[in-house]
Amino acid sequence: MEPEEKAGSSDEDALEPAGVTRRRFVKVIAGAGVVAGVLGLGALSGLRIVYRPPEPPPPWEIAPGVVDYTKVPERQLTGPTPNILKVAQWYDYWPGSFKTDFTNYMAQTYGLTVSVQQDTFTSNEELFEWITLGGKKYDVIFPTNHIVDNIKKSALIYNLNLAWIPNFANLWSDFIRVPHHVDSPDNLDQRQDPNGLNYVSIPYFWGTTGIAWRKDQIPKDEVDAIGLDFFTMASYSPQAAGYPTTVTLDGKMRMLEDQRDVFTFGAKKAGWTAQQANGLTPSPYVGPYTDTTGKVWPGTQWTSNETASERVNAMGDWLFQCKPHLFDFNSTGDTPSLIAGVAVLNQAWSGDIAYAQRPDQSNPQPADYIIPYQGSRWWQDTCVIPSKCRNLWLAHEFINFIHSVSSDWPENQLLTKWNLYPTPNKACFDLLTPFANGYDMRADPRLYPNLLAPDDWNRCDLPRDVGADVLVKAYNPLWFNLTSV
């Protein structure tokens, strides 16, 4: 199967804040030092620098972002378009048949006729702009965990009613609370509402960010040994026999069009260099760790959430060294370009490279994936109900359907085997079977390093919201300058 056709974003006029002319809008953004930094637009909205006029809340919204579910009708379609579920989803996460399955499920189970209307985004930044200054209204969205932290602070999402999501019981406990509890000192995981109103999101799929490359151009052990340093190279000469004498890298490398993924690579490389400059033996781990050989590592590596100005500047300096060698920042063409042979080495998501390589088929492509030795991040895309949703029961039914593993509706198994991303659904994981060619996702350490490659897994830390002030004053100006022509 091929990914669904990518939907476009809203038209340009829909992105203009109500009551603010486009010329005035550009001036405000520039004055805030964010100049078209997409995530900065959302941060500005949350800070009330630029915002949309509030709308009257529905009767069941007892406080901004807080729902009293005793006031929400169950098994009833509600809102201005009761028979249409409006969803914003990543570009490669389900086939068209999944939406048809949900339509059939609702008809057979409840006798209700519904359809799913989907907008497709390619980055968290794009989604965040849609639901803030873009003013788009959805019933379910799928942001990455650190964006959930951010939009929750602006009351842009609702607490969930777990009584309407019985398949929540299928989830792996590790991925419900990730490793960071709501009461941890820096509150890394804000998905459980601190007011005790259940969760504001639940896991959808997850993965790591790493390096994907053409394994017919560069041997794996050399990619392991060089890691992030490839991105500042114009070319590379493989040492192993049977490979090209020289591999051109200029214009044949990409990084993702995702601010936090790119900044993670910058932080890990800058952190490695800083450790060396301070006379330390560099560690890829952000906390003390004993690896599988028994070696004890200090926790001296930088995280994917650095906020100190000197560290942000250092990661930016390295990323600007990479920029002349990159073809572009692109989240949809990174793995297809490797398969087509027009790219040699790219930043990539673990599930994307699996989908591109197709190890489940008889002719797997010559691409592979590693987590760089300097470290990286892992992340979790989540199911979230935005505070503009007016069809709450149907939205919960959709989230519950995603995690269904029953013989009648084995949806999570079908999704997992279609998109080749690791699932946080333990019941699904236990039911997965090998593909016809013998490939078993459950035995692939690139997909499940938490189970199969603990040293790689522990080199990844979890991204979190770094705060609106850091976004507006540091991250977004850097991102704009880095990605501008």
Protein backbone atom coordinates (compact mmCIF):
# COMPACT_ATOMS: atom_id res chain seq x y z
CA MET A 1 0.00 0.00 0.00
CA GLU A 2 1.00 3.61 -0.49
CA PRO A 3 0.44 6.39 2.05
CA GLU A 4 -2.71 8.35 1.52
CA GLU A 5 -2.57 11.43 -0.65
CA LYS A 6 -1.30 14.29 1.43
CA ALA A 7 -3.95 16.89 2.19
CA GLY A 8 -3.05 20.56 2.15
CA SER A 9 -3.36 22.99 4.99
CA SER A 10 -6.03 25.64 5.26
CA ASP A 11 -6.03 28.37 2.67
CA GLU A 12 -3.97 31.42 3.46
CA ASP A 13 -6.84 33.62 4.55
CA ALA A 14 -7.96 31.08 7.13
CA LEU A 15 -4.63 31.49 8.93
CA GLU A 16 -5.08 35.19 9.58
CA PRO A 17 -6.01 36.03 13.19
CA ALA A 18 -9.46 37.48 13.54
CA GLY A 19 -9.39 41.24 13.92
CA VAL A 20 -5.72 41.56 12.86
CA THR A 21 -4.81 42.66 9.33
CA ARG A 22 -2.15 40.64 7.53
CA ARG A 23 0.20 43.62 7.50
CA ARG A 24 -0.33 44.22 11.22
CA PHE A 25 0.04 40.48 11.89
CA VAL A 26 3.45 40.37 10.19
CA LYS A 27 4.58 43.40 12.18
CA VAL A 28 3.52 41.83 15.47
CA ILE A 29 5.31 38.60 14.68
CA ALA A 30 8.47 40.43 13.63
CA GLY A 31 8.33 42.64 16.70
CA ALA A 32 8.22 39.57 18.90
CA GLY A 33 11.37 38.27 17.25
CA VAL A 34 9.68 35.22 15.78
CA VAL A 35 9.27 36.18 12.09
CA ALA A 36 7.18 33.32 10.72
CA GLY A 37 8.38 30.70 13.16
CA VAL A 38 5.32 28.47 13.04
CA LEU A 39 5.47 27.15 16.57
CA GLY A 40 6.11 30.70 17.65
CA LEU A 41 2.72 31.67 16.26
CA GLY A 42 1.08 29.23 18.61
CA ALA A 43 3.22 30.41 21.48
CA LEU A 44 2.21 33.99 20.75
CA SER A 45 -1.41 32.91 20.79
CA GLY A 46 -0.95 31.24 24.16
CA LEU A 47 0.78 34.36 25.47
CA ARG A 48 -2.15 36.48 24.23
CA ILE A 49 0.18 38.61 22.08
CA VAL A 50 -1.88 37.60 19.05
CA TYR A 51 -5.08 35.69 19.65
CA ARG A 52 -8.56 34.90 18.39
CA PRO A 53 -11.59 36.25 20.22
CA PRO A 54 -12.97 33.66 22.68
CA GLU A 55 -16.11 31.71 21.82
CA PRO A 56 -18.91 30.93 24.29
CA PRO A 57 -18.08 27.59 25.93
CA PRO A 58 -20.47 24.64 25.70
CA PRO A 59 -22.50 23.88 28.85
CA TRP A 60 -20.30 20.92 29.82
CA GLU A 61 -17.08 22.97 29.82
CA ILE A 62 -16.82 23.99 33.48
CA ALA A 63 -13.45 25.73 33.09
CA PRO A 64 -11.11 26.37 30.13
CA GLY A 65 -10.07 22.93 28.89
CA VAL A 66 -12.03 21.10 31.61
CA VAL A 67 -15.06 18.92 30.84
CA ASP A 68 -17.67 17.64 33.29
CA TYR A 69 -18.62 14.43 31.50
CA THR A 70 -21.79 13.98 33.52
CA LYS A 71 -23.11 16.81 31.37
CA VAL A 72 -22.10 15.28 28.02
CA PRO A 73 -24.67 13.06 26.28
CA GLU A 74 -23.45 9.50 25.71
CA ARG A 75 -24.14 7.62 22.48
CA GLN A 76 -25.30 10.81 20.82
CA LEU A 77 -23.78 12.69 17.91
CA THR A 78 -23.52 16.37 18.72
CA GLY A 79 -22.15 19.65 17.44
CA PRO A 80 -22.65 21.62 14.23
CA THR A 81 -21.65 18.64 12.03
CA PRO A 82 -22.75 15.67 14.17
CA ASN A 83 -22.24 13.00 11.52
CA ILE A 84 -18.73 14.12 10.56
CA LEU A 85 -15.68 13.47 12.70
CA LYS A 86 -13.00 16.02 11.88
CA VAL A 87 -9.47 14.72 12.34
CA ALA A 88 -5.95 16.10 11.85
CA GLN A 89 -3.41 13.32 11.40
CA TRP A 90 0.18 12.78 10.27
CA TYR A 91 0.72 12.04 6.59
CA ASP A 92 1.63 8.35 6.82
CA TYR A 93 -0.16 6.79 9.76
CA TRP A 94 -3.15 4.93 8.32
CA PRO A 95 -4.62 3.66 5.06
CA GLY A 96 -7.95 4.89 3.76
CA SER A 97 -9.49 1.58 4.79
CA PHE A 98 -9.08 2.51 8.44
CA LYS A 99 -11.60 5.35 8.16
CA THR A 100 -13.97 3.06 6.27
CA ASP A 101 -13.61 0.49 9.04
CA PHE A 102 -14.62 3.09 11.61
CA THR A 103 -17.64 4.09 9.54
CA ASN A 104 -18.68 0.44 9.33
CA TYR A 105 -18.05 -0.10 13.04
CA MET A 106 -20.30 2.80 14.02
CA ALA A 107 -23.06 1.59 11.69
CA GLN A 108 -22.92 -2.01 12.89
CA THR A 109 -22.45 -1.24 16.59
CA TYR A 110 -24.71 1.77 17.07
CA GLY A 111 -26.73 2.07 13.87
CA LEU A 112 -25.18 5.51 13.27
CA THR A 113 -24.02 6.93 9.96
CA VAL A 114 -20.76 8.85 10.31
CA SER A 115 -17.81 9.78 8.16
CA VAL A 116 -14.25 10.90 8.89
CA GLN A 117 -12.96 14.14 7.40
CA GLN A 118 -9.15 14.32 7.53
CA ASP A 119 -6.60 17.08 7.18
CA THR A 120 -3.03 15.86 6.90
CA PHE A 121 -0.06 17.63 8.48
CA THR A 122 3.66 16.98 8.11
CA SER A 123 5.01 18.56 11.30
CA ASN A 124 3.94 19.44 14.82
CA GLU A 125 4.56 23.07 13.98
CA GLU A 126 2.04 22.94 11.15
CA LEU A 127 -0.61 21.33 13.37
CA PHE A 128 0.02 23.80 16.14
CA GLU A 129 -0.52 26.75 13.84
CA TRP A 130 -3.76 25.24 12.54
CA ILE A 131 -5.36 24.97 15.99
CA THR A 132 -4.12 28.34 17.26
CA LEU A 133 -3.92 31.23 14.84
CA GLY A 134 -5.31 29.12 12.01
CA GLY A 135 -8.54 28.71 13.93
CA LYS A 136 -9.19 25.24 12.53
CA LYS A 137 -11.54 23.05 14.55
CA TYR A 138 -11.03 19.32 14.97
CA ASP A 139 -12.52 16.55 17.05
CA VAL A 140 -9.30 14.50 17.34
CA ILE A 141 -5.67 15.42 16.68
CA PHE A 142 -2.38 13.52 17.01
CA PRO A 143 0.42 15.76 18.32
CA THR A 144 3.74 14.53 19.70
CA ASN A 145 4.03 14.47 23.48
CA HIS A 146 5.96 17.73 23.91
CA ILE A 147 3.33 19.61 21.90
CA VAL A 148 0.67 18.19 24.20
CA ASP A 149 2.54 19.83 27.08
CA ASN A 150 2.45 23.14 25.25
CA ILE A 151 -1.17 23.22 24.10
CA LYS A 152 -2.42 21.95 27.43
CA LYS A 153 -1.05 25.07 29.13
CA SER A 154 -3.22 27.19 26.84
CA ALA A 155 -6.35 25.10 27.60
CA LEU A 156 -6.52 24.03 23.97
CA ILE A 157 -7.27 20.37 24.76
CA TYR A 158 -9.80 18.59 26.94
CA ASN A 159 -9.39 16.02 29.68
CA LEU A 160 -10.47 12.58 28.45
CA ASN A 161 -13.22 10.34 29.83
CA LEU A 162 -11.48 6.97 30.23
CA ALA A 163 -14.87 5.31 30.87
CA TRP A 164 -15.49 5.87 27.16
CA ILE A 165 -12.11 4.42 26.18
CA PRO A 166 -12.16 0.84 27.58
CA ASN A 167 -9.33 -0.13 25.23
CA PHE A 168 -7.10 2.10 27.34
CA ALA A 169 -6.58 -1.13 29.32
CA ASN A 170 -4.70 -2.56 26.31
CA LEU A 171 -1.87 -0.05 26.63
CA TRP A 172 1.60 -0.82 27.90
CA SER A 173 2.05 0.78 31.32
CA ASP A 174 5.49 2.08 30.24
CA PHE A 175 3.85 4.18 27.56
CA ILE A 176 0.92 5.44 29.60
CA ARG A 177 3.15 7.34 32.00
CA VAL A 178 6.30 7.08 29.89
CA PRO A 179 9.22 7.01 32.32
CA HIS A 180 8.42 10.40 33.78
CA HIS A 181 5.62 10.79 36.28
CA VAL A 182 3.48 13.88 36.66
CA ASP A 183 4.98 14.50 40.10
CA SER A 184 8.60 14.42 38.92
CA PRO A 185 10.55 17.58 39.79
CA ASP A 186 10.48 19.06 36.28
CA ASN A 187 7.05 17.68 35.40
CA LEU A 188 8.25 16.07 32.19
CA ASP A 189 4.97 14.31 31.61
CA GLN A 190 1.93 16.54 31.74
CA ARG A 191 -0.41 14.16 29.97
CA GLN A 192 -2.09 13.30 33.24
CA ASP A 193 -4.04 16.34 34.30
CA PRO A 194 -2.68 17.65 37.61
CA ASN A 195 -6.26 18.42 38.67
CA GLY A 196 -7.03 14.71 38.70
CA LEU A 197 -9.28 14.91 35.64
CA ASN A 198 -7.88 11.79 33.99
CA TYR A 199 -5.56 12.08 31.02
CA VAL A 200 -5.45 14.79 28.41
CA SER A 201 -3.97 12.35 25.86
CA ILE A 202 -3.17 8.69 25.44
CA PRO A 203 -0.44 7.06 23.33
CA TYR A 204 -1.01 6.45 19.63
CA PHE A 205 2.29 5.25 18.13
CA TRP A 206 5.89 5.96 19.07
CA GLY A 207 9.42 5.81 17.76
CA THR A 208 12.93 7.19 17.81
CA THR A 209 14.75 9.73 15.66
CA GLY A 210 18.01 8.62 14.09
CA ILE A 211 20.10 8.31 10.94
CA ALA A 212 18.90 6.44 7.85
CA TRP A 213 21.31 5.77 5.00
CA ARG A 214 22.02 3.77 1.85
CA LYS A 215 23.75 0.67 3.11
CA ASP A 216 25.11 -0.06 -0.36
CA GLN A 217 27.05 3.23 -0.16
CA ILE A 218 28.40 3.21 3.41
CA PRO A 219 28.83 0.17 5.70
CA LYS A 220 26.88 0.09 8.95
CA ASP A 221 29.90 -0.06 11.26
CA GLU A 222 31.23 3.16 9.73
CA VAL A 223 27.89 4.94 10.17
CA ASP A 224 27.92 3.71 13.76
CA ALA A 225 31.43 5.11 14.26
CA ILE A 226 30.85 8.53 12.69
CA GLY A 227 27.24 9.25 13.62
CA LEU A 228 26.20 12.89 13.54
CA ASP A 229 29.51 14.06 12.09
CA PHE A 230 28.34 12.97 8.64
CA PHE A 231 26.12 16.03 8.44
CA THR A 232 29.11 18.40 8.27
CA MET A 233 30.90 16.42 5.55
CA ALA A 234 30.96 17.22 1.84
CA SER A 235 31.95 13.66 0.97
CA TYR A 236 33.05 10.42 2.55
CA SER A 237 35.45 7.64 1.56
CA PRO A 238 34.34 4.26 2.91
CA GLN A 239 37.12 2.17 4.39
CA ALA A 240 35.58 -1.22 3.68
CA ALA A 241 36.10 -3.11 0.44
CA GLY A 242 33.22 -3.37 -1.99
CA TYR A 243 31.97 0.19 -1.50
CA PRO A 244 32.42 3.30 -3.67
CA THR A 245 35.81 5.00 -3.41
CA THR A 246 34.16 8.32 -2.58
CA VAL A 247 30.55 9.05 -1.71
CA THR A 248 29.28 12.57 -2.36
CA LEU A 249 27.29 13.89 0.59
CA ASP A 250 26.78 17.54 -0.42
CA GLY A 251 23.17 17.94 -1.47
CA LYS A 252 22.49 14.29 -0.74
CA MET A 253 21.53 14.61 2.92
CA ARG A 254 18.34 15.84 4.57
CA MET A 255 17.14 16.67 8.04
CA LEU A 256 13.52 16.50 9.09
CA GLU A 257 11.22 19.51 8.85
CA ASP A 258 10.66 19.25 12.57
CA GLN A 259 12.19 21.82 14.89
CA ARG A 260 12.67 19.61 17.92
CA ASP A 261 14.14 16.67 15.98
CA VAL A 262 16.69 18.91 14.30
CA PHE A 263 17.51 20.70 17.54
CA THR A 264 17.99 17.34 19.25
CA PHE A 265 20.77 16.44 16.83
CA GLY A 266 22.30 19.87 17.41
CA ALA A 267 22.13 19.46 21.18
CA LYS A 268 23.63 15.97 21.14
CA LYS A 269 26.57 16.97 18.93
CA ALA A 270 27.20 20.22 20.85
CA GLY A 271 26.91 18.34 24.14
CA TRP A 272 29.45 15.76 22.99
CA THR A 273 31.88 18.51 21.99
CA ALA A 274 31.33 20.37 25.27
CA GLN A 275 32.12 17.26 27.28
CA GLN A 276 35.39 16.86 25.39
CA ALA A 277 36.25 20.53 25.89
CA ASN A 278 35.75 20.10 29.63
CA GLY A 279 38.19 17.20 29.75
CA LEU A 280 35.50 14.56 30.16
CA THR A 281 35.22 11.22 28.45
CA PRO A 282 32.04 11.93 26.47
CA SER A 283 28.92 10.07 27.51
CA PRO A 284 25.86 9.64 25.28
CA TYR A 285 23.60 9.32 28.34
CA VAL A 286 21.79 12.14 30.15
CA GLY A 287 21.71 10.16 33.39
CA PRO A 288 24.11 7.64 34.95
CA TYR A 289 23.88 4.35 33.07
CA THR A 290 25.50 0.91 33.20
CA ASP A 291 25.49 -0.59 29.73
CA THR A 292 25.05 -4.22 28.75
CA THR A 293 28.82 -4.85 28.94
CA GLY A 294 28.91 -3.60 32.53
CA LYS A 295 30.55 -0.28 31.70
CA VAL A 296 29.38 2.58 33.94
CA TRP A 297 28.70 5.84 32.12
CA PRO A 298 28.27 9.27 33.71
CA GLY A 299 25.12 11.19 32.83
CA THR A 300 26.89 14.18 31.27
CA GLN A 301 25.29 14.39 27.82
CA TRP A 302 22.96 17.28 26.98
CA THR A 303 19.25 16.60 26.70
CA SER A 304 16.85 17.26 23.84
CA ASN A 305 15.32 20.04 25.97
CA GLU A 306 18.17 22.48 26.46
CA THR A 307 17.13 26.05 27.28
CA ALA A 308 20.31 27.84 28.48
CA SER A 309 21.31 30.45 25.89
CA GLU A 310 24.90 29.24 25.60
CA ARG A 311 23.71 25.71 24.88
CA VAL A 312 21.09 26.83 22.36
CA ASN A 313 23.77 28.92 20.64
CA ALA A 314 26.19 25.99 20.57
CA MET A 315 23.67 23.63 19.02
CA GLY A 316 22.78 26.35 16.50
CA ASP A 317 26.44 26.84 15.57
CA TRP A 318 26.76 23.16 14.69
CA LEU A 319 23.50 23.08 12.76
CA PHE A 320 24.67 26.02 10.63
CA GLN A 321 27.79 23.99 9.84
CA CYS A 322 25.46 21.25 8.58
CA LYS A 323 23.20 23.48 6.53
CA PRO A 324 25.48 24.00 3.45
CA HIS A 325 25.65 20.22 3.00
CA LEU A 326 21.91 19.55 3.26
CA PHE A 327 19.51 19.34 0.35
CA ASP A 328 16.67 20.58 2.55
CA PHE A 329 14.62 20.07 5.70
CA ASN A 330 11.91 17.63 4.70
CA SER A 331 9.77 15.13 6.61
CA THR A 332 8.01 13.52 3.65
CA GLY A 333 10.90 13.05 1.23
CA ASP A 334 13.59 11.85 3.61
CA THR A 335 13.11 8.10 3.26
CA PRO A 336 11.72 8.05 -0.34
CA SER A 337 14.82 9.96 -1.45
CA LEU A 338 17.02 7.22 0.00
CA ILE A 339 15.08 4.51 -1.81
CA ALA A 340 15.20 6.49 -5.06
CA GLY A 341 18.97 6.82 -4.70
CA VAL A 342 19.01 10.62 -4.78
CA ALA A 343 20.00 10.81 -1.10
CA VAL A 344 22.73 8.96 0.75
CA LEU A 345 22.14 9.76 4.42
CA ASN A 346 19.25 11.51 6.18
CA GLN A 347 17.77 12.22 9.58
CA ALA A 348 14.69 9.99 9.86
CA TRP A 349 12.03 8.50 12.11
CA SER A 350 12.35 4.81 12.92
CA GLY A 351 8.97 3.81 11.52
CA ASP A 352 9.47 5.78 8.32
CA ILE A 353 12.64 3.94 7.40
CA ALA A 354 10.94 0.61 8.10
CA TYR A 355 8.08 1.61 5.81
CA ALA A 356 10.53 2.71 3.11
CA GLN A 357 12.81 -0.30 3.41
CA ARG A 358 9.85 -2.73 3.52
CA PRO A 359 11.52 -5.61 5.37
CA ASP A 360 8.12 -7.31 5.32
CA GLN A 361 8.30 -7.78 1.56
CA SER A 362 10.35 -10.06 -0.68
CA ASN A 363 12.55 -7.28 -2.06
CA PRO A 364 13.64 -5.07 0.86
CA GLN A 365 15.34 -1.85 -0.17
CA PRO A 366 19.03 -1.06 0.53
CA ALA A 367 18.48 1.28 3.47
CA ASP A 368 19.07 0.96 7.19
CA TYR A 369 18.69 2.97 10.40
CA ILE A 370 20.65 3.60 13.60
CA ILE A 371 20.46 5.81 16.67
CA PRO A 372 23.70 7.87 16.52
CA TYR A 373 26.29 7.09 19.15
CA GLN A 374 26.13 10.68 20.41
CA GLY A 375 22.48 10.17 21.37
CA SER A 376 19.05 11.23 20.14
CA ARG A 377 15.45 11.30 21.34
CA TRP A 378 12.40 9.11 21.49
CA TRP A 379 8.91 10.48 21.20
CA GLN A 380 5.28 9.47 21.40
CA ASP A 381 2.48 10.65 19.15
CA THR A 382 -0.75 10.90 21.07
CA CYS A 383 -4.54 10.93 20.70
CA VAL A 384 -5.94 14.27 21.86
CA ILE A 385 -9.36 15.96 21.81
CA PRO A 386 -9.03 19.70 21.15
CA SER A 387 -11.13 22.13 23.15
CA LYS A 388 -12.98 23.13 19.96
CA CYS A 389 -14.48 19.63 19.69
CA ARG A 390 -18.27 19.58 20.03
CA ASN A 391 -18.73 15.89 19.25
CA LEU A 392 -17.09 14.45 22.34
CA TRP A 393 -18.65 11.00 22.50
CA LEU A 394 -17.84 10.27 18.84
CA ALA A 395 -14.27 11.51 19.36
CA HIS A 396 -13.85 9.06 22.24
CA GLU A 397 -15.28 6.23 20.14
CA PHE A 398 -12.67 6.96 17.48
CA ILE A 399 -9.78 6.90 19.97
CA ASN A 400 -11.11 3.69 21.48
CA PHE A 401 -11.42 2.14 18.01
CA ILE A 402 -7.77 2.88 17.28
CA HIS A 403 -6.73 0.64 20.17
CA SER A 404 -9.16 -2.17 19.41
CA VAL A 405 -7.56 -5.63 19.12
CA SER A 406 -10.67 -7.81 18.98
CA SER A 407 -11.07 -10.48 16.33
CA ASP A 408 -13.99 -8.53 14.84
CA TRP A 409 -12.14 -5.22 14.75
CA PRO A 410 -8.36 -5.88 15.00
CA GLU A 411 -7.60 -2.27 14.18
CA ASN A 412 -4.38 -1.76 16.11
CA GLN A 413 -2.83 -4.86 14.56
CA LEU A 414 -3.84 -3.66 11.09
CA LEU A 415 -2.48 -0.16 11.68
CA THR A 416 0.79 -1.43 13.15
CA LYS A 417 1.44 -3.82 10.28
CA TRP A 418 0.53 -1.15 7.75
CA ASN A 419 2.63 1.77 8.97
CA LEU A 420 5.40 -0.34 10.60
CA TYR A 421 5.64 1.95 13.62
CA PRO A 422 6.01 0.38 17.07
CA THR A 423 2.76 0.24 19.00
CA PRO A 424 2.26 1.24 22.66
CA ASN A 425 -0.62 -1.25 22.75
CA LYS A 426 0.64 -4.29 24.68
CA ALA A 427 -2.36 -6.41 23.72
CA CYS A 428 -1.65 -5.66 20.06
CA PHE A 429 2.06 -6.43 20.47
CA ASP A 430 1.24 -9.82 21.95
CA LEU A 431 -1.07 -10.64 19.03
CA LEU A 432 1.29 -9.60 16.22
CA THR A 433 2.45 -12.36 13.91
CA PRO A 434 5.32 -12.45 11.39
CA PHE A 435 4.71 -11.35 7.82
CA ALA A 436 4.57 -13.89 5.00
CA ASN A 437 8.32 -13.54 4.35
CA GLY A 438 9.09 -14.25 8.02
CA TYR A 439 9.86 -10.68 9.11
CA ASP A 440 8.68 -10.07 12.69
CA MET A 441 8.36 -6.46 13.84
CA ARG A 442 8.63 -7.59 17.45
CA ALA A 443 12.16 -8.88 16.80
CA ASP A 444 13.44 -5.69 15.12
CA PRO A 445 15.68 -3.66 17.50
CA ARG A 446 15.27 -0.58 15.31
CA LEU A 447 11.57 -0.56 16.20
CA TYR A 448 11.69 -1.88 19.76
CA PRO A 449 15.05 -0.78 21.20
CA ASN A 450 13.39 -0.58 24.62
CA LEU A 451 13.09 -4.37 24.52
CA LEU A 452 15.94 -5.43 22.24
CA ALA A 453 18.68 -2.77 22.29
CA PRO A 454 18.76 -1.13 25.74
CA ASP A 455 22.07 0.68 25.17
CA ASP A 456 20.63 2.37 22.06
CA TRP A 457 17.34 3.07 23.85
CA ASN A 458 18.99 4.72 26.81
CA ARG A 459 20.87 7.08 24.49
CA CYS A 460 17.49 8.63 23.72
CA ASP A 461 15.75 11.05 26.05
CA LEU A 462 12.18 12.31 25.89
CA PRO A 463 11.34 15.78 24.52
CA ARG A 464 9.17 18.10 26.60
CA ASP A 465 7.79 21.60 26.34
CA VAL A 466 10.62 24.07 26.92
CA GLY A 467 8.25 26.96 27.69
CA ALA A 468 6.82 29.79 25.65
CA ASP A 469 9.58 32.22 26.59
CA VAL A 470 12.30 29.94 25.22
CA LEU A 471 10.24 29.22 22.11
CA VAL A 472 9.63 32.86 21.32
CA LYS A 473 13.06 34.25 22.19
CA ALA A 474 15.41 31.41 21.26
CA TYR A 475 14.04 28.35 19.47
CA ASN A 476 11.88 30.00 16.83
CA PRO A 477 14.34 32.68 15.70
CA LEU A 478 16.98 29.96 15.36
CA TRP A 479 14.61 27.69 13.45
CA PHE A 480 13.57 30.50 11.11
CA ASN A 481 17.16 31.46 10.36
CA LEU A 482 18.19 27.86 9.89
CA THR A 483 15.38 26.91 7.51
CA SER A 484 15.21 30.18 5.55
CA VAL A 485 16.87 30.24 2.15
